[in-house]
N, C-alpha and C. Protein backbone atom coordinates (compact mmCIF):
# COMPACT_ATOMS: atom_id res chain seq x y z
N UNK A 1 0.84 -1.16 0.00
CA UNK A 1 0.00 0.00 0.00
C UNK A 1 0.90 1.24 0.00
N UNK A 2 0.59 2.20 -0.85
CA UNK A 2 1.31 3.46 -0.91
C UNK A 2 0.65 4.46 0.02
N UNK A 3 1.46 5.24 0.74
CA UNK A 3 0.95 6.23 1.68
C UNK A 3 1.63 7.56 1.43
N UNK A 4 0.85 8.63 1.48
CA UNK A 4 1.38 9.99 1.40
C UNK A 4 0.92 10.74 2.64
N UNK A 5 1.86 11.43 3.30
CA UNK A 5 1.50 12.19 4.50
C UNK A 5 2.23 13.52 4.50
N UNK A 6 1.76 14.44 5.32
CA UNK A 6 2.40 15.73 5.49
C UNK A 6 2.83 15.84 6.95
N UNK A 7 4.09 16.19 7.17
CA UNK A 7 4.65 16.26 8.52
C UNK A 7 5.10 17.69 8.80
N UNK A 8 4.71 18.20 9.95
CA UNK A 8 5.14 19.52 10.41
C UNK A 8 5.78 19.34 11.78
N UNK A 9 7.06 19.69 11.90
CA UNK A 9 7.79 19.54 13.15
C UNK A 9 7.94 20.92 13.79
N UNK A 10 7.52 21.03 15.05
CA UNK A 10 7.62 22.29 15.78
C UNK A 10 8.32 22.03 17.12
N UNK A 11 9.66 22.13 17.16
CA UNK A 11 10.36 21.93 18.42
C UNK A 11 10.06 23.09 19.37
N UNK A 12 9.79 22.80 20.61
CA UNK A 12 9.48 23.84 21.59
C UNK A 12 10.66 24.08 22.52
N UNK A 13 10.89 25.34 22.85
CA UNK A 13 11.93 25.69 23.80
C UNK A 13 13.34 25.64 23.26
N UNK A 14 13.51 25.72 21.93
CA UNK A 14 14.85 25.64 21.35
C UNK A 14 15.26 26.94 20.66
N UNK A 15 14.46 27.98 20.77
CA UNK A 15 14.78 29.24 20.13
C UNK A 15 14.08 29.38 18.79
N UNK A 16 14.49 30.40 18.05
CA UNK A 16 13.82 30.75 16.80
C UNK A 16 14.24 29.85 15.64
N UNK A 17 15.51 29.52 15.53
CA UNK A 17 16.01 28.74 14.41
C UNK A 17 15.80 27.24 14.64
N UNK A 18 15.12 26.60 13.71
CA UNK A 18 14.89 25.16 13.80
C UNK A 18 15.52 24.41 12.63
N UNK A 19 16.35 25.08 11.84
CA UNK A 19 16.91 24.48 10.63
C UNK A 19 17.71 23.21 10.92
N UNK A 20 18.44 23.16 12.03
CA UNK A 20 19.24 21.95 12.30
C UNK A 20 18.33 20.75 12.61
N UNK A 21 17.18 20.98 13.22
CA UNK A 21 16.23 19.90 13.50
C UNK A 21 15.58 19.41 12.22
N UNK A 22 15.26 20.34 11.34
CA UNK A 22 14.67 19.98 10.05
C UNK A 22 15.68 19.18 9.23
N UNK A 23 16.95 19.58 9.25
CA UNK A 23 17.99 18.87 8.51
C UNK A 23 18.14 17.43 8.99
N UNK A 24 18.08 17.22 10.30
CA UNK A 24 18.18 15.86 10.85
C UNK A 24 16.97 15.03 10.43
N UNK A 25 15.79 15.61 10.49
CA UNK A 25 14.58 14.89 10.05
C UNK A 25 14.68 14.51 8.59
N UNK A 26 15.15 15.44 7.75
CA UNK A 26 15.31 15.16 6.32
C UNK A 26 16.28 14.00 6.10
N UNK A 27 17.38 13.99 6.82
CA UNK A 27 18.38 12.93 6.68
C UNK A 27 17.80 11.57 7.08
N UNK A 28 17.09 11.51 8.18
CA UNK A 28 16.50 10.25 8.65
C UNK A 28 15.48 9.72 7.65
N UNK A 29 14.64 10.60 7.13
CA UNK A 29 13.62 10.17 6.15
C UNK A 29 14.27 9.68 4.86
N UNK A 30 15.30 10.38 4.40
CA UNK A 30 16.00 9.96 3.17
C UNK A 30 16.69 8.62 3.35
N UNK A 31 17.34 8.43 4.50
CA UNK A 31 18.03 7.16 4.77
C UNK A 31 17.04 6.00 4.87
N UNK A 32 15.80 6.30 5.22
CA UNK A 32 14.77 5.26 5.31
C UNK A 32 14.20 4.91 3.94
N UNK A 33 14.67 5.60 2.90
CA UNK A 33 14.22 5.31 1.54
C UNK A 33 12.89 5.93 1.18
N UNK A 34 12.47 6.93 1.94
CA UNK A 34 11.20 7.59 1.67
C UNK A 34 11.40 8.75 0.71
N UNK A 35 10.42 8.98 -0.14
CA UNK A 35 10.44 10.11 -1.07
C UNK A 35 9.90 11.32 -0.32
N UNK A 36 10.68 12.40 -0.25
CA UNK A 36 10.25 13.57 0.51
C UNK A 36 10.23 14.81 -0.38
N UNK A 37 9.37 15.74 -0.03
CA UNK A 37 9.28 17.03 -0.69
C UNK A 37 9.04 18.10 0.36
N UNK A 38 10.03 18.94 0.57
CA UNK A 38 9.90 19.97 1.60
C UNK A 38 9.21 21.20 1.02
N UNK A 39 8.38 21.85 1.86
CA UNK A 39 7.71 23.08 1.48
C UNK A 39 7.69 24.02 2.68
N UNK A 40 7.11 25.19 2.54
CA UNK A 40 7.18 26.23 3.57
C UNK A 40 6.58 25.81 4.91
N UNK A 41 5.59 24.94 4.91
CA UNK A 41 4.90 24.60 6.15
C UNK A 41 5.08 23.16 6.59
N UNK A 42 6.01 22.44 6.00
CA UNK A 42 6.22 21.06 6.41
C UNK A 42 6.93 20.24 5.34
N UNK A 43 6.73 18.93 5.41
CA UNK A 43 7.36 18.00 4.48
C UNK A 43 6.36 16.96 4.04
N UNK A 44 6.23 16.78 2.73
CA UNK A 44 5.41 15.70 2.19
C UNK A 44 6.28 14.44 2.16
N UNK A 45 5.73 13.33 2.61
CA UNK A 45 6.46 12.07 2.67
C UNK A 45 5.65 11.01 1.95
N UNK A 46 6.33 10.26 1.07
CA UNK A 46 5.66 9.19 0.32
C UNK A 46 6.44 7.90 0.52
N UNK A 47 5.73 6.82 0.79
CA UNK A 47 6.39 5.54 0.98
C UNK A 47 5.43 4.39 0.87
N UNK A 48 5.97 3.18 0.92
CA UNK A 48 5.14 1.97 0.86
C UNK A 48 5.26 1.20 2.15
């Protein structure tokens, strides 16, 4: 079964910049073999 989802990560208490957290999430998803598409409000993830 193919699944498409949208993920929005909002770390709390870490300050204004969250780019390093987003980069780690992107790396983990890519290593898992998932197809990802980042946009202004989150990340689209596609997988089986």
